[in-house]
C-alpha atoms as a PDB file:
ATOM      1  CA  MET A   1     -30.041   4.691 -36.451  1.00  0.00           C
ATOM      2  CA  LYS A   2     -30.775   1.099 -35.524  1.00  0.00           C
ATOM      3  CA  ARG A   3     -34.037   0.320 -33.758  1.00  0.00           C
ATOM      4  CA  VAL A   4     -34.136  -2.705 -31.471  1.00  0.00           C
ATOM      5  CA  VAL A   5     -36.502  -4.529 -29.161  1.00  0.00           C
ATOM      6  CA  LEU A   6     -34.692  -5.884 -26.114  1.00  0.00           C
ATOM      7  CA  ASP A   7     -35.718  -9.310 -24.874  1.00  0.00           C
ATOM      8  CA  THR A   8     -36.724  -9.369 -21.214  1.00  0.00           C
ATOM      9  CA  ASN A   9     -33.822 -11.700 -20.356  1.00  0.00           C
ATOM     10  CA  ILE A  10     -31.355  -9.207 -21.832  1.00  0.00           C
ATOM     11  CA  VAL A  11     -32.818  -6.302 -19.871  1.00  0.00           C
ATOM     12  CA  ILE A  12     -32.861  -8.188 -16.580  1.00  0.00           C
ATOM     13  CA  SER A  13     -29.352  -9.600 -16.970  1.00  0.00           C
ATOM     14  CA  SER A  14     -28.007  -6.181 -17.894  1.00  0.00           C
ATOM     15  CA  ALA A  15     -29.816  -4.454 -15.037  1.00  0.00           C
ATOM     16  CA  LEU A  16     -28.357  -6.954 -12.587  1.00  0.00           C
ATOM     17  CA  GLY A  17     -24.818  -6.272 -13.832  1.00  0.00           C
ATOM     18  CA  GLY A  18     -24.483  -9.395 -15.942  1.00  0.00           C
ATOM     19  CA  THR A  19     -22.088  -9.785 -18.825  1.00  0.00           C
ATOM     20  CA  LEU A  20     -24.702  -8.235 -21.090  1.00  0.00           C
ATOM     21  CA  GLU A  21     -24.255  -4.876 -19.370  1.00  0.00           C
ATOM     22  CA  ILE A  22     -22.479  -3.741 -22.538  1.00  0.00           C
ATOM     23  CA  ILE A  23     -25.893  -3.621 -24.213  1.00  0.00           C
ATOM     24  CA  LEU A  24     -27.132  -1.027 -21.738  1.00  0.00           C
ATOM     25  CA  ASP A  25     -23.870   0.887 -22.168  1.00  0.00           C
ATOM     26  CA  GLN A  26     -24.439   1.001 -25.921  1.00  0.00           C
ATOM     27  CA  TRP A  27     -28.023   2.144 -25.404  1.00  0.00           C
ATOM     28  CA  VAL A  28     -26.867   4.967 -23.132  1.00  0.00           C
ATOM     29  CA  ALA A  29     -24.242   5.874 -25.756  1.00  0.00           C
ATOM     30  CA  GLU A  30     -27.126   6.146 -28.259  1.00  0.00           C
ATOM     31  CA  ALA A  31     -25.774   3.406 -30.509  1.00  0.00           C
ATOM     32  CA  PHE A  32     -29.383   2.353 -31.067  1.00  0.00           C
ATOM     33  CA  VAL A  33     -32.947   3.279 -30.167  1.00  0.00           C
ATOM     34  CA  VAL A  34     -35.042   0.891 -28.109  1.00  0.00           C
ATOM     35  CA  VAL A  35     -38.543   0.268 -29.437  1.00  0.00           C
ATOM     36  CA  ILE A  36     -40.974  -0.684 -26.705  1.00  0.00           C
ATOM     37  CA  THR A  37     -44.679  -1.200 -26.186  1.00  0.00           C
ATOM     38  CA  SER A  38     -46.629  -0.882 -22.975  1.00  0.00           C
ATOM     39  CA  GLU A  39     -46.971  -4.677 -22.921  1.00  0.00           C
ATOM     40  CA  ILE A  40     -43.198  -5.155 -23.115  1.00  0.00           C
ATOM     41  CA  LEU A  41     -42.641  -2.564 -20.393  1.00  0.00           C
ATOM     42  CA  ASP A  42     -45.177  -4.345 -18.191  1.00  0.00           C
ATOM     43  CA  GLU A  43     -43.275  -7.599 -18.672  1.00  0.00           C
ATOM     44  CA  TYR A  44     -39.952  -5.956 -17.753  1.00  0.00           C
ATOM     45  CA  LEU A  45     -41.503  -4.532 -14.586  1.00  0.00           C
ATOM     46  CA  GLN A  46     -43.192  -7.800 -13.611  1.00  0.00           C
ATOM     47  CA  VAL A  47     -39.931  -9.718 -13.886  1.00  0.00           C
ATOM     48  CA  LEU A  48     -37.927  -7.054 -12.045  1.00  0.00           C
ATOM     49  CA  ASN A  49     -40.504  -6.945  -9.270  1.00  0.00           C
ATOM     50  CA  SER A  50     -40.354 -10.728  -8.893  1.00  0.00           C
ATOM     51  CA  TRP A  51     -36.615 -10.410  -8.067  1.00  0.00           C
ATOM     52  CA  ARG A  52     -37.402  -8.043  -5.189  1.00  0.00           C
ATOM     53  CA  ARG A  53     -39.438 -10.660  -3.322  1.00  0.00           C
END
Protein backbone atom coordinates (compact mmCIF):
# COMPACT_ATOMS: atom_id res chain seq x y z
CA MET A 1 0.00 0.00 0.00
CA LYS A 2 1.18 3.51 -0.76
CA ARG A 3 2.34 5.69 2.12
CA VAL A 4 1.98 9.45 1.76
CA VAL A 5 2.59 12.63 3.69
CA LEU A 6 -0.11 15.20 3.02
CA ASP A 7 0.98 18.82 2.70
CA THR A 8 -0.85 21.17 5.05
CA ASN A 9 -2.39 23.06 2.12
CA ILE A 10 -3.88 19.82 0.79
CA VAL A 11 -5.37 18.90 4.16
CA ILE A 12 -6.87 22.34 4.74
CA SER A 13 -8.30 22.67 1.23
CA SER A 14 -9.80 19.20 1.44
CA ALA A 15 -11.24 19.79 4.91
CA LEU A 16 -12.89 22.98 3.68
CA GLY A 17 -14.54 21.14 0.78
CA GLY A 18 -12.15 22.33 -1.91
CA THR A 19 -11.57 20.56 -5.18
CA LEU A 20 -8.96 18.42 -3.46
CA GLU A 21 -11.66 16.69 -1.43
CA ILE A 22 -11.06 13.65 -3.63
CA ILE A 23 -7.81 13.12 -1.72
CA LEU A 24 -9.68 12.71 1.55
CA ASP A 25 -12.17 10.42 -0.19
CA GLN A 26 -9.30 8.21 -1.36
CA TRP A 27 -7.82 8.18 2.13
CA VAL A 28 -11.14 7.09 3.61
CA ALA A 29 -11.36 4.41 0.90
CA GLU A 30 -7.94 3.19 2.11
CA ALA A 31 -6.25 3.83 -1.22
CA PHE A 32 -3.19 4.91 0.76
CA VAL A 33 -1.90 5.27 4.30
CA VAL A 34 -1.07 8.71 5.65
CA VAL A 35 2.28 8.99 7.42
CA ILE A 36 2.32 11.74 10.01
CA THR A 37 4.50 13.04 12.80
CA SER A 38 3.44 14.99 15.85
CA GLU A 39 5.04 18.09 14.32
CA ILE A 40 2.96 17.75 11.14
CA LEU A 41 -0.21 17.20 13.17
CA ASP A 42 0.57 20.31 15.21
CA GLU A 43 0.91 22.31 11.99
CA TYR A 44 -2.43 21.01 10.67
CA LEU A 45 -4.13 21.99 13.93
CA GLN A 46 -2.50 25.43 14.07
CA VAL A 47 -3.66 26.26 10.56
CA LEU A 48 -7.17 24.91 11.13
CA ASN A 49 -7.46 26.87 14.36
CA SER A 50 -6.40 30.07 12.60
CA TRP A 51 -9.44 29.70 10.28
CA ARG A 52 -11.78 29.64 13.29
CA ARG A 53 -10.78 33.14 14.40
